[in-house]
């Protein structure tokens, strides 16, 4: 997929995809709530059993909130891939420049793809100190050398995201190589790089005239 230099690809939230995901989560939330009610009201239970039920409900409620929150945002765009860098609004408030990204890897969990950015050492150091990165992204940077992004509930597809990021990284490497070659050519043509200083008569290495009587 060839992208124009000024082109920006966007991944927007899909209400239909998010609702389908929520429908798949609801049964697990109901199961966790049933465990809590059963052990706390209907049957005597140990503290460990009650704690397990509460943790299950809490985890699924947090996950549901994470998926529903984008639906409440005014801007439907979640991910942008463009000349400025890679910007997932769930991870950072500002784009991550391509100069700070060394590559990426793909992971799949339960059929859901995840794109893990591999940041440069300087990029990791700079963004870890910045307030623009979320705590979950910081944890990813600390554990996997870069934040991870997924397209669950978004459109277009995960494969489109991989293709766009790959193309942008190729463009950035090509541009960096061209800049380095241009700088080398300019340095070789600069005054004094190849010119030799004029030799004085009688200086070492210069021919001398022999006088005649």
N, C-alpha and C. Protein backbone atom coordinates (compact mmCIF):
# COMPACT_ATOMS: atom_id res chain seq x y z
N UNK A 1 0.85 -1.19 0.00
CA UNK A 1 0.00 0.00 0.00
C UNK A 1 0.88 1.24 0.00
N UNK A 2 0.92 1.93 -1.12
CA UNK A 2 1.75 3.13 -1.25
C UNK A 2 0.98 4.33 -0.72
N UNK A 3 1.59 5.06 0.21
CA UNK A 3 0.95 6.22 0.81
C UNK A 3 1.59 7.49 0.28
N UNK A 4 0.80 8.53 0.00
CA UNK A 4 1.39 9.82 -0.37
C UNK A 4 2.11 10.42 0.82
N UNK A 5 3.10 11.28 0.53
CA UNK A 5 3.89 11.86 1.62
C UNK A 5 3.03 12.62 2.61
N UNK A 6 1.95 13.25 2.14
CA UNK A 6 1.12 14.04 3.03
C UNK A 6 -0.15 13.29 3.42
N UNK A 7 -0.21 11.99 3.13
CA UNK A 7 -1.42 11.23 3.41
C UNK A 7 -1.51 10.82 4.87
N UNK A 8 -2.71 10.81 5.40
CA UNK A 8 -2.97 10.40 6.77
C UNK A 8 -4.05 9.33 6.75
N UNK A 9 -3.76 8.17 7.33
CA UNK A 9 -4.75 7.11 7.46
C UNK A 9 -5.36 7.18 8.85
N UNK A 10 -6.67 6.97 8.94
CA UNK A 10 -7.37 7.07 10.22
C UNK A 10 -8.15 5.79 10.49
N UNK A 11 -8.15 5.41 11.76
CA UNK A 11 -8.95 4.27 12.23
C UNK A 11 -9.99 4.81 13.20
N UNK A 12 -11.24 4.62 12.83
CA UNK A 12 -12.35 5.19 13.59
C UNK A 12 -13.11 4.10 14.34
N UNK A 13 -13.74 4.50 15.40
CA UNK A 13 -14.52 3.52 16.17
C UNK A 13 -15.74 3.09 15.36
N UNK A 14 -16.05 1.84 15.45
CA UNK A 14 -17.21 1.26 14.78
C UNK A 14 -18.21 0.84 15.85
N UNK A 15 -19.37 1.49 15.88
CA UNK A 15 -20.38 1.19 16.89
C UNK A 15 -20.80 -0.26 16.81
N UNK A 16 -20.96 -0.78 15.60
CA UNK A 16 -21.40 -2.16 15.43
C UNK A 16 -20.39 -3.14 16.03
N UNK A 17 -19.09 -2.91 15.77
CA UNK A 17 -18.06 -3.81 16.30
C UNK A 17 -18.00 -3.76 17.82
N UNK A 18 -18.10 -2.55 18.38
CA UNK A 18 -18.04 -2.42 19.84
C UNK A 18 -19.23 -3.11 20.49
N UNK A 19 -20.42 -2.95 19.93
CA UNK A 19 -21.60 -3.59 20.50
C UNK A 19 -21.50 -5.10 20.43
N UNK A 20 -20.97 -5.63 19.34
CA UNK A 20 -20.78 -7.08 19.25
C UNK A 20 -19.79 -7.58 20.30
N UNK A 21 -18.74 -6.80 20.53
CA UNK A 21 -17.77 -7.18 21.55
C UNK A 21 -18.40 -7.17 22.93
N UNK A 22 -19.22 -6.15 23.21
CA UNK A 22 -19.88 -6.07 24.51
C UNK A 22 -20.84 -7.23 24.71
N UNK A 23 -21.53 -7.63 23.66
CA UNK A 23 -22.44 -8.77 23.78
C UNK A 23 -21.69 -10.04 24.15
N UNK A 24 -20.47 -10.17 23.68
CA UNK A 24 -19.67 -11.33 24.05
C UNK A 24 -19.15 -11.28 25.47
N UNK A 25 -19.05 -10.07 26.04
CA UNK A 25 -18.52 -9.92 27.40
C UNK A 25 -19.62 -10.03 28.45
N UNK A 26 -20.83 -9.64 28.10
CA UNK A 26 -21.94 -9.60 29.07
C UNK A 26 -22.11 -10.91 29.82
N UNK A 27 -22.09 -12.09 29.16
CA UNK A 27 -22.27 -13.34 29.91
C UNK A 27 -21.24 -13.53 31.02
N UNK A 28 -19.99 -13.11 30.79
CA UNK A 28 -18.97 -13.27 31.81
C UNK A 28 -19.21 -12.32 32.99
N UNK A 29 -19.70 -11.12 32.70
CA UNK A 29 -20.03 -10.18 33.77
C UNK A 29 -21.17 -10.74 34.62
N UNK A 30 -22.17 -11.30 33.96
CA UNK A 30 -23.30 -11.89 34.68
C UNK A 30 -22.83 -13.05 35.55
N UNK A 31 -21.92 -13.86 35.01
CA UNK A 31 -21.39 -14.99 35.78
C UNK A 31 -20.65 -14.52 37.02
N UNK A 32 -19.82 -13.48 36.87
CA UNK A 32 -19.11 -12.95 38.03
C UNK A 32 -20.06 -12.39 39.07
N UNK A 33 -21.10 -11.66 38.62
CA UNK A 33 -22.08 -11.12 39.57
C UNK A 33 -22.83 -12.24 40.27
N UNK A 34 -23.16 -13.30 39.54
CA UNK A 34 -23.87 -14.44 40.14
C UNK A 34 -23.01 -15.10 41.21
N UNK A 35 -21.70 -15.21 40.95
CA UNK A 35 -20.81 -15.82 41.94
C UNK A 35 -20.78 -15.00 43.23
N UNK A 36 -20.75 -13.67 43.08
CA UNK A 36 -20.73 -12.81 44.27
C UNK A 36 -22.03 -12.94 45.05
N UNK A 37 -23.17 -12.87 44.35
CA UNK A 37 -24.48 -12.95 45.02
C UNK A 37 -24.66 -14.31 45.68
N UNK A 38 -24.27 -15.36 44.98
CA UNK A 38 -24.45 -16.71 45.51
C UNK A 38 -23.65 -16.91 46.79
N UNK A 39 -22.38 -16.50 46.77
CA UNK A 39 -21.52 -16.75 47.92
C UNK A 39 -21.76 -15.78 49.07
N UNK A 40 -22.29 -14.60 48.77
CA UNK A 40 -22.50 -13.61 49.83
C UNK A 40 -23.90 -13.66 50.40
N UNK A 41 -24.89 -14.10 49.62
CA UNK A 41 -26.28 -14.05 50.06
C UNK A 41 -26.89 -15.44 50.21
N UNK A 42 -26.77 -16.24 49.18
CA UNK A 42 -27.48 -17.52 49.17
C UNK A 42 -26.75 -18.60 49.96
N UNK A 43 -25.47 -18.65 49.91
CA UNK A 43 -24.71 -19.70 50.57
C UNK A 43 -23.55 -19.08 51.35
N UNK A 44 -23.20 -19.68 52.46
CA UNK A 44 -22.02 -19.20 53.18
C UNK A 44 -20.76 -19.51 52.38
N UNK A 45 -19.85 -18.61 52.39
CA UNK A 45 -18.62 -18.79 51.62
C UNK A 45 -17.44 -18.21 52.38
N UNK A 46 -16.27 -18.68 52.00
CA UNK A 46 -15.05 -18.17 52.63
C UNK A 46 -14.69 -16.81 52.03
N UNK A 47 -13.81 -16.15 52.70
CA UNK A 47 -13.38 -14.84 52.20
C UNK A 47 -12.69 -14.93 50.86
N UNK A 48 -11.96 -16.02 50.60
CA UNK A 48 -11.28 -16.18 49.32
C UNK A 48 -12.28 -16.28 48.17
N UNK A 49 -13.35 -17.03 48.35
CA UNK A 49 -14.35 -17.19 47.29
C UNK A 49 -15.04 -15.86 46.99
N UNK A 50 -15.36 -15.11 48.03
CA UNK A 50 -15.99 -13.80 47.82
C UNK A 50 -15.03 -12.86 47.09
N UNK A 51 -13.75 -12.89 47.48
CA UNK A 51 -12.76 -12.02 46.84
C UNK A 51 -12.61 -12.36 45.37
N UNK A 52 -12.61 -13.65 45.03
CA UNK A 52 -12.48 -14.06 43.63
C UNK A 52 -13.64 -13.53 42.81
N UNK A 53 -14.86 -13.67 43.32
CA UNK A 53 -16.03 -13.17 42.60
C UNK A 53 -15.97 -11.67 42.39
N UNK A 54 -15.56 -10.94 43.42
CA UNK A 54 -15.46 -9.47 43.30
C UNK A 54 -14.41 -9.07 42.28
N UNK A 55 -13.28 -9.77 42.27
CA UNK A 55 -12.22 -9.45 41.32
C UNK A 55 -12.68 -9.71 39.89
N UNK A 56 -13.40 -10.82 39.67
CA UNK A 56 -13.91 -11.13 38.33
C UNK A 56 -14.82 -10.02 37.83
N UNK A 57 -15.76 -9.60 38.68
CA UNK A 57 -16.69 -8.55 38.28
C UNK A 57 -15.94 -7.25 38.00
N UNK A 58 -14.99 -6.90 38.87
CA UNK A 58 -14.25 -5.65 38.71
C UNK A 58 -13.46 -5.64 37.41
N UNK A 59 -12.78 -6.74 37.10
CA UNK A 59 -11.98 -6.79 35.88
C UNK A 59 -12.84 -6.62 34.63
N UNK A 60 -13.99 -7.28 34.60
CA UNK A 60 -14.83 -7.17 33.41
C UNK A 60 -15.50 -5.81 33.32
N UNK A 61 -15.83 -5.21 34.44
CA UNK A 61 -16.41 -3.86 34.41
C UNK A 61 -15.38 -2.87 33.87
N UNK A 62 -14.13 -3.01 34.30
CA UNK A 62 -13.08 -2.12 33.80
C UNK A 62 -12.86 -2.31 32.31
N UNK A 63 -12.91 -3.56 31.84
CA UNK A 63 -12.74 -3.82 30.42
C UNK A 63 -13.89 -3.25 29.61
N UNK A 64 -15.12 -3.40 30.12
CA UNK A 64 -16.28 -2.83 29.43
C UNK A 64 -16.17 -1.31 29.36
N UNK A 65 -15.72 -0.70 30.45
CA UNK A 65 -15.55 0.76 30.45
C UNK A 65 -14.51 1.18 29.41
N UNK A 66 -13.45 0.40 29.29
CA UNK A 66 -12.40 0.72 28.32
C UNK A 66 -12.94 0.69 26.90
N UNK A 67 -13.86 -0.23 26.61
CA UNK A 67 -14.41 -0.34 25.26
C UNK A 67 -15.54 0.66 25.01
N UNK A 68 -16.27 1.01 26.07
CA UNK A 68 -17.39 1.93 25.90
C UNK A 68 -16.92 3.37 25.84
N UNK A 69 -15.83 3.68 26.53
CA UNK A 69 -15.36 5.07 26.60
C UNK A 69 -15.16 5.70 25.23
N UNK A 70 -14.55 4.99 24.23
CA UNK A 70 -14.42 5.62 22.91
C UNK A 70 -15.75 6.00 22.28
N UNK A 71 -16.82 5.28 22.61
CA UNK A 71 -18.13 5.61 22.04
C UNK A 71 -18.63 6.96 22.55
N UNK A 72 -18.18 7.35 23.74
CA UNK A 72 -18.64 8.61 24.33
C UNK A 72 -17.78 9.80 23.91
N UNK A 73 -16.66 9.54 23.25
CA UNK A 73 -15.78 10.63 22.82
C UNK A 73 -16.37 11.35 21.62
N UNK A 74 -16.10 12.64 21.53
CA UNK A 74 -16.62 13.44 20.41
C UNK A 74 -15.91 13.11 19.11
N UNK A 75 -14.60 12.93 19.19
CA UNK A 75 -13.83 12.62 17.99
C UNK A 75 -13.84 11.11 17.75
N UNK A 76 -14.39 10.66 16.63
CA UNK A 76 -14.46 9.22 16.38
C UNK A 76 -13.12 8.60 16.00
N UNK A 77 -12.13 9.42 15.69
CA UNK A 77 -10.83 8.90 15.27
C UNK A 77 -10.03 8.45 16.49
N UNK A 78 -9.56 7.21 16.46
CA UNK A 78 -8.79 6.64 17.57
C UNK A 78 -7.31 6.55 17.21
N UNK A 79 -7.01 6.16 15.97
CA UNK A 79 -5.62 5.99 15.53
C UNK A 79 -5.39 6.81 14.26
N UNK A 80 -4.26 7.50 14.21
CA UNK A 80 -3.83 8.22 13.01
C UNK A 80 -2.41 7.79 12.65
N UNK A 81 -2.20 7.51 11.38
CA UNK A 81 -0.88 7.17 10.87
C UNK A 81 -0.57 8.14 9.74
N UNK A 82 0.43 9.00 9.95
CA UNK A 82 0.73 10.02 8.95
C UNK A 82 2.16 10.50 9.06
N UNK A 83 2.50 11.56 8.34
CA UNK A 83 3.88 12.07 8.36
C UNK A 83 4.36 12.45 9.76
N UNK A 84 3.44 12.91 10.62
CA UNK A 84 3.85 13.35 11.96
C UNK A 84 4.25 12.19 12.85
N UNK A 85 3.78 10.98 12.53
CA UNK A 85 4.11 9.83 13.36
C UNK A 85 2.92 8.92 13.58
N UNK A 86 3.05 8.05 14.57
CA UNK A 86 1.99 7.11 14.94
C UNK A 86 1.27 7.66 16.16
N UNK A 87 -0.06 7.83 16.04
CA UNK A 87 -0.82 8.42 17.14
C UNK A 87 -2.03 7.56 17.46
N UNK A 88 -1.97 6.87 18.58
CA UNK A 88 -3.12 6.16 19.14
C UNK A 88 -3.55 6.95 20.37
N UNK A 89 -4.73 7.55 20.31
CA UNK A 89 -5.18 8.43 21.38
C UNK A 89 -5.33 7.71 22.70
N UNK A 90 -5.45 6.39 22.67
CA UNK A 90 -5.55 5.62 23.90
C UNK A 90 -4.19 5.49 24.59
N UNK A 91 -3.12 5.73 23.85
CA UNK A 91 -1.77 5.55 24.38
C UNK A 91 -1.07 6.86 24.69
N UNK A 92 -1.15 7.81 23.76
CA UNK A 92 -0.44 9.08 23.92
C UNK A 92 -1.32 10.23 23.47
N UNK A 93 -1.05 11.40 24.02
CA UNK A 93 -1.79 12.60 23.60
C UNK A 93 -1.14 13.26 22.39
N UNK A 94 0.09 12.87 22.07
CA UNK A 94 0.81 13.41 20.92
C UNK A 94 1.34 12.25 20.06
N UNK A 95 1.51 12.48 18.75
CA UNK A 95 2.06 11.41 17.90
C UNK A 95 3.48 11.02 18.32
N UNK A 96 3.80 9.75 18.13
CA UNK A 96 5.17 9.27 18.32
C UNK A 96 5.90 9.41 16.98
N UNK A 97 6.93 10.26 16.89
CA UNK A 97 7.61 10.46 15.60
C UNK A 97 8.22 9.16 15.07
N UNK A 98 8.28 9.05 13.75
CA UNK A 98 8.85 7.85 13.15
C UNK A 98 10.32 7.70 13.49
N UNK A 99 11.00 8.81 13.76
CA UNK A 99 12.41 8.73 14.13
C UNK A 99 12.61 8.00 15.45
N UNK A 100 11.55 7.94 16.28
CA UNK A 100 11.63 7.25 17.57
C UNK A 100 11.19 5.80 17.48
N UNK A 101 10.80 5.35 16.28
CA UNK A 101 10.31 3.97 16.11
C UNK A 101 11.31 3.20 15.26
N UNK A 102 11.83 2.12 15.80
CA UNK A 102 12.83 1.31 15.12
C UNK A 102 12.21 0.18 14.31
N UNK A 103 10.98 -0.17 14.61
CA UNK A 103 10.29 -1.26 13.92
C UNK A 103 9.04 -1.64 14.69
N UNK A 104 8.49 -2.80 14.38
CA UNK A 104 7.30 -3.26 15.09
C UNK A 104 7.19 -4.78 14.96
N UNK A 105 6.35 -5.35 15.80
CA UNK A 105 6.05 -6.78 15.73
C UNK A 105 4.55 -6.96 15.84
N UNK A 106 4.08 -8.12 15.41
CA UNK A 106 2.65 -8.43 15.47
C UNK A 106 2.41 -9.60 16.41
N UNK A 107 1.38 -9.48 17.21
CA UNK A 107 0.99 -10.55 18.11
C UNK A 107 -0.50 -10.82 17.94
N UNK A 108 -0.88 -12.07 18.18
CA UNK A 108 -2.30 -12.43 18.09
C UNK A 108 -2.69 -13.19 19.35
N UNK A 109 -3.79 -12.75 19.94
CA UNK A 109 -4.33 -13.37 21.14
C UNK A 109 -5.82 -13.56 20.96
N UNK A 110 -6.25 -14.82 20.95
CA UNK A 110 -7.66 -15.15 20.75
C UNK A 110 -8.20 -14.54 19.45
N UNK A 111 -7.38 -14.57 18.42
CA UNK A 111 -7.80 -14.08 17.11
C UNK A 111 -7.73 -12.58 16.95
N UNK A 112 -7.34 -11.85 18.00
CA UNK A 112 -7.26 -10.40 17.93
C UNK A 112 -5.81 -9.97 17.75
N UNK A 113 -5.55 -9.18 16.71
CA UNK A 113 -4.19 -8.74 16.44
C UNK A 113 -3.78 -7.55 17.28
N UNK A 114 -2.49 -7.51 17.63
CA UNK A 114 -1.93 -6.40 18.39
C UNK A 114 -0.61 -6.00 17.75
N UNK A 115 -0.44 -4.71 17.48
CA UNK A 115 0.78 -4.18 16.89
C UNK A 115 1.64 -3.57 17.99
N UNK A 116 2.84 -4.10 18.17
CA UNK A 116 3.74 -3.64 19.23
C UNK A 116 4.87 -2.83 18.59
N UNK A 117 4.93 -1.55 18.90
CA UNK A 117 5.99 -0.70 18.37
C UNK A 117 7.31 -0.98 19.09
N UNK A 118 8.39 -0.99 18.35
CA UNK A 118 9.72 -1.16 18.93
C UNK A 118 10.43 0.19 18.84
N UNK A 119 10.52 0.87 19.96
CA UNK A 119 11.05 2.22 19.98
C UNK A 119 12.56 2.22 20.16
N UNK A 120 13.19 3.28 19.69
CA UNK A 120 14.63 3.43 19.89
C UNK A 120 14.90 3.73 21.36
N UNK A 121 16.15 3.55 21.76
CA UNK A 121 16.49 3.79 23.16
C UNK A 121 16.24 5.25 23.54
N UNK A 122 16.64 6.17 22.66
CA UNK A 122 16.42 7.59 22.94
C UNK A 122 14.93 7.90 22.97
N UNK A 123 14.17 7.29 22.06
CA UNK A 123 12.72 7.51 22.05
C UNK A 123 12.05 7.01 23.32
N UNK A 124 12.47 5.85 23.80
CA UNK A 124 11.90 5.33 25.05
C UNK A 124 12.21 6.26 26.20
N UNK A 125 13.44 6.72 26.27
CA UNK A 125 13.83 7.59 27.37
C UNK A 125 13.03 8.90 27.33
N UNK A 126 12.85 9.45 26.14
CA UNK A 126 12.15 10.73 26.03
C UNK A 126 10.66 10.59 26.36
N UNK A 127 10.01 9.56 25.83
CA UNK A 127 8.57 9.43 26.04
C UNK A 127 8.22 8.93 27.43
N UNK A 128 9.11 8.16 28.05
CA UNK A 128 8.85 7.72 29.42
C UNK A 128 8.86 8.90 30.38
N UNK A 129 9.62 9.93 30.04
CA UNK A 129 9.67 11.13 30.88
C UNK A 129 8.58 12.12 30.54
N UNK A 130 7.88 11.89 29.44
CA UNK A 130 6.84 12.83 29.00
C UNK A 130 5.51 12.51 29.65
N UNK A 131 4.73 13.56 29.90
CA UNK A 131 3.40 13.37 30.48
C UNK A 131 2.36 12.99 29.44
N UNK A 132 2.76 12.93 28.17
CA UNK A 132 1.79 12.64 27.11
C UNK A 132 1.47 11.16 27.00
N UNK A 133 2.24 10.29 27.63
CA UNK A 133 2.05 8.84 27.51
C UNK A 133 1.26 8.31 28.69
N UNK A 134 0.27 7.45 28.41
CA UNK A 134 -0.57 6.87 29.46
C UNK A 134 0.22 5.86 30.28
N UNK A 135 -0.32 5.52 31.46
CA UNK A 135 0.39 4.58 32.32
C UNK A 135 0.45 3.19 31.70
N UNK A 136 -0.59 2.80 30.97
CA UNK A 136 -0.58 1.47 30.33
C UNK A 136 0.47 1.42 29.22
N UNK A 137 0.62 2.53 28.48
CA UNK A 137 1.66 2.58 27.44
C UNK A 137 3.05 2.57 28.07
N UNK A 138 3.22 3.25 29.19
CA UNK A 138 4.52 3.23 29.88
C UNK A 138 4.88 1.82 30.32
N UNK A 139 3.87 1.08 30.79
CA UNK A 139 4.11 -0.31 31.21
C UNK A 139 4.54 -1.16 30.01
N UNK A 140 3.90 -0.94 28.86
CA UNK A 140 4.30 -1.66 27.65
C UNK A 140 5.73 -1.31 27.24
N UNK A 141 6.08 -0.03 27.32
CA UNK A 141 7.43 0.40 26.96
C UNK A 141 8.45 -0.26 27.88
N UNK A 142 8.12 -0.34 29.15
CA UNK A 142 9.04 -0.93 30.13
C UNK A 142 9.20 -2.43 29.91
N UNK A 143 8.10 -3.11 29.54
CA UNK A 143 8.13 -4.56 29.40
C UNK A 143 8.54 -5.02 28.01
N UNK A 144 8.10 -4.28 26.96
CA UNK A 144 8.28 -4.77 25.59
C UNK A 144 8.97 -3.77 24.68
N UNK A 145 9.58 -2.74 25.24
CA UNK A 145 10.34 -1.74 24.46
C UNK A 145 9.46 -0.87 23.59
N UNK A 146 8.14 -0.91 23.79
CA UNK A 146 7.25 -0.06 23.01
C UNK A 146 5.79 -0.34 23.32
N UNK A 147 4.91 0.65 23.10
CA UNK A 147 3.48 0.45 23.37
C UNK A 147 2.83 -0.44 22.32
N UNK A 148 1.71 -1.02 22.68
CA UNK A 148 0.97 -1.89 21.76
C UNK A 148 -0.37 -1.26 21.43
N UNK A 149 -0.82 -1.49 20.20
CA UNK A 149 -2.07 -0.91 19.71
C UNK A 149 -2.88 -2.00 19.02
N UNK A 150 -4.19 -1.95 19.20
CA UNK A 150 -5.08 -2.92 18.56
C UNK A 150 -6.25 -2.19 17.91
N UNK A 151 -6.92 -2.87 17.01
CA UNK A 151 -8.03 -2.26 16.26
C UNK A 151 -9.37 -2.88 16.64
N UNK A 152 -9.47 -3.43 17.83
CA UNK A 152 -10.75 -3.98 18.27
C UNK A 152 -11.80 -2.87 18.31
N UNK A 153 -12.91 -3.07 17.63
CA UNK A 153 -13.96 -2.07 17.59
C UNK A 153 -13.70 -0.91 16.64
N UNK A 154 -12.63 -1.02 15.83
CA UNK A 154 -12.28 0.07 14.91
C UNK A 154 -12.39 -0.41 13.47
N UNK A 155 -12.46 0.54 12.58
CA UNK A 155 -12.45 0.25 11.15
C UNK A 155 -11.58 1.29 10.45
N UNK A 156 -10.72 0.94 9.48
CA UNK A 156 -10.57 -0.35 8.81
C UNK A 156 -9.88 -1.40 9.68
N UNK A 157 -9.31 -2.42 9.04
CA UNK A 157 -8.88 -3.62 9.73
C UNK A 157 -7.48 -3.50 10.31
N UNK A 158 -7.11 -4.52 11.09
CA UNK A 158 -5.78 -4.59 11.68
C UNK A 158 -4.71 -4.74 10.60
N UNK A 159 -5.00 -5.52 9.56
CA UNK A 159 -4.04 -5.69 8.47
C UNK A 159 -3.75 -4.36 7.77
N UNK A 160 -4.76 -3.50 7.65
CA UNK A 160 -4.54 -2.18 7.07
C UNK A 160 -3.61 -1.34 7.94
N UNK A 161 -3.75 -1.48 9.26
CA UNK A 161 -2.87 -0.75 10.18
C UNK A 161 -1.43 -1.22 10.02
N UNK A 162 -1.23 -2.51 9.95
CA UNK A 162 0.12 -3.06 9.78
C UNK A 162 0.74 -2.56 8.47
N UNK A 163 -0.04 -2.58 7.39
CA UNK A 163 0.47 -2.13 6.09
C UNK A 163 0.83 -0.65 6.12
N UNK A 164 0.00 0.18 6.76
CA UNK A 164 0.26 1.62 6.81
C UNK A 164 1.52 1.93 7.62
N UNK A 165 1.67 1.29 8.77
CA UNK A 165 2.86 1.53 9.61
C UNK A 165 4.11 1.05 8.89
N UNK A 166 4.04 -0.11 8.25
CA UNK A 166 5.19 -0.64 7.52
C UNK A 166 5.61 0.31 6.40
N UNK A 167 4.64 0.85 5.67
CA UNK A 167 4.96 1.76 4.57
C UNK A 167 5.57 3.06 5.09
N UNK A 168 5.05 3.58 6.18
CA UNK A 168 5.59 4.81 6.75
C UNK A 168 7.03 4.61 7.23
N UNK A 169 7.31 3.48 7.84
CA UNK A 169 8.67 3.22 8.30
C UNK A 169 9.63 3.10 7.12
N UNK A 170 9.19 2.48 6.03
CA UNK A 170 10.03 2.40 4.83
C UNK A 170 10.31 3.79 4.28
N UNK A 171 9.29 4.62 4.21
CA UNK A 171 9.47 5.99 3.72
C UNK A 171 10.45 6.76 4.60
N UNK A 172 10.34 6.59 5.90
CA UNK A 172 11.21 7.33 6.81
C UNK A 172 12.66 6.87 6.67
N UNK A 173 12.87 5.55 6.54
CA UNK A 173 14.24 5.04 6.36
C UNK A 173 14.83 5.53 5.05
N UNK A 174 14.00 5.54 4.00
CA UNK A 174 14.47 6.00 2.70
C UNK A 174 14.83 7.48 2.76
N UNK A 175 14.00 8.27 3.43
CA UNK A 175 14.26 9.70 3.55
C UNK A 175 15.52 9.96 4.37
N UNK A 176 15.71 9.18 5.44
CA UNK A 176 16.90 9.35 6.27
C UNK A 176 18.16 9.01 5.49
N UNK A 177 18.11 7.93 4.70
CA UNK A 177 19.28 7.55 3.89
C UNK A 177 19.59 8.61 2.84
N UNK A 178 18.56 9.16 2.20
CA UNK A 178 18.78 10.20 1.19
C UNK A 178 19.36 11.46 1.83
N UNK A 179 18.90 11.80 3.02
CA UNK A 179 19.44 12.98 3.71
C UNK A 179 20.91 12.78 4.05
N UNK A 180 21.27 11.55 4.47
CA UNK A 180 22.66 11.27 4.81
C UNK A 180 23.54 11.36 3.57
N UNK A 181 23.07 10.81 2.44
CA UNK A 181 23.86 10.89 1.20
C UNK A 181 24.00 12.33 0.72
N UNK A 182 22.92 13.11 0.85
CA UNK A 182 22.99 14.51 0.44
C UNK A 182 23.97 15.29 1.30
N UNK A 183 23.97 15.02 2.61
CA UNK A 183 24.90 15.71 3.49
C UNK A 183 26.34 15.33 3.17
N UNK A 184 26.56 14.05 2.82
CA UNK A 184 27.92 13.62 2.48
C UNK A 184 28.40 14.29 1.19
N UNK A 185 27.51 14.39 0.20
CA UNK A 185 27.89 15.05 -1.06
C UNK A 185 28.19 16.52 -0.83
N UNK A 186 27.36 17.16 0.00
CA UNK A 186 27.57 18.58 0.26
C UNK A 186 28.89 18.81 0.99
N UNK A 187 29.22 17.90 1.91
CA UNK A 187 30.48 18.04 2.64
C UNK A 187 31.68 17.85 1.72
N UNK A 188 31.55 16.93 0.75
CA UNK A 188 32.67 16.69 -0.17
C UNK A 188 32.87 17.84 -1.14
N UNK A 189 31.81 18.62 -1.40
CA UNK A 189 31.92 19.74 -2.33
C UNK A 189 32.21 21.06 -1.64
N UNK A 190 32.28 21.08 -0.35
CA UNK A 190 32.48 22.33 0.38
C UNK A 190 33.89 22.85 0.13
N UNK A 191 34.09 24.20 0.14
CA UNK A 191 35.42 24.78 -0.11
C UNK A 191 36.44 24.28 0.90
N UNK A 192 37.62 23.95 0.40
CA UNK A 192 38.69 23.50 1.28
C UNK A 192 38.73 22.01 1.49
N UNK A 193 37.68 21.29 1.02
CA UNK A 193 37.67 19.85 1.24
C UNK A 193 38.61 19.13 0.30
N UNK A 194 38.71 19.66 -0.96
CA UNK A 194 39.61 19.01 -1.94
C UNK A 194 40.71 19.94 -2.42
N UNK A 195 40.55 21.27 -2.24
CA UNK A 195 41.56 22.22 -2.72
C UNK A 195 42.83 22.10 -1.90
N UNK A 196 43.98 22.30 -2.54
CA UNK A 196 45.25 22.24 -1.86
C UNK A 196 45.81 23.66 -1.72
N UNK A 197 46.49 23.88 -0.65
CA UNK A 197 47.08 25.19 -0.42
C UNK A 197 48.20 25.44 -1.42
N UNK A 198 48.35 26.67 -1.95
CA UNK A 198 49.42 26.97 -2.92
C UNK A 198 50.79 26.78 -2.29
N UNK A 199 51.70 26.26 -3.07
CA UNK A 199 53.05 26.01 -2.57
C UNK A 199 53.92 27.24 -2.80
N UNK A 200 54.71 27.56 -1.82
CA UNK A 200 55.66 28.67 -1.93
C UNK A 200 56.94 28.16 -2.60
N UNK A 201 57.56 29.05 -3.39
CA UNK A 201 58.80 28.67 -4.05
C UNK A 201 59.87 28.42 -3.00
N UNK A 202 60.48 27.29 -3.13
CA UNK A 202 61.50 26.93 -2.17
C UNK A 202 60.98 26.10 -1.03
N UNK A 203 59.68 25.90 -1.01
CA UNK A 203 59.12 25.08 0.06
C UNK A 203 59.39 23.63 -0.25
N UNK A 204 59.35 22.75 0.76
CA UNK A 204 59.63 21.33 0.52
C UNK A 204 58.68 20.75 -0.50
N UNK A 205 59.22 20.02 -1.45
CA UNK A 205 58.40 19.36 -2.46
C UNK A 205 58.19 20.20 -3.69
N UNK A 206 58.62 21.50 -3.70
CA UNK A 206 58.42 22.35 -4.87
C UNK A 206 59.73 22.44 -5.64
N UNK A 207 59.66 22.49 -6.98
CA UNK A 207 60.91 22.57 -7.78
C UNK A 207 61.60 23.91 -7.57
N UNK A 208 62.91 23.91 -7.59
CA UNK A 208 63.70 25.14 -7.42
C UNK A 208 64.51 25.39 -8.68
N UNK A 209 64.74 26.68 -8.97
CA UNK A 209 65.53 27.04 -10.13
C UNK A 209 67.01 27.14 -9.74
N UNK A 210 67.83 26.68 -10.62
CA UNK A 210 69.27 26.81 -10.38
C UNK A 210 69.77 28.09 -11.05
N UNK A 211 70.49 28.89 -10.34
CA UNK A 211 70.98 30.15 -10.91
C UNK A 211 72.06 29.92 -11.95
N UNK A 212 72.21 30.87 -12.87
CA UNK A 212 73.25 30.82 -13.90
C UNK A 212 74.25 31.93 -13.64
N UNK A 213 75.44 31.65 -13.91
CA UNK A 213 76.49 32.65 -13.67
C UNK A 213 76.40 33.73 -14.71
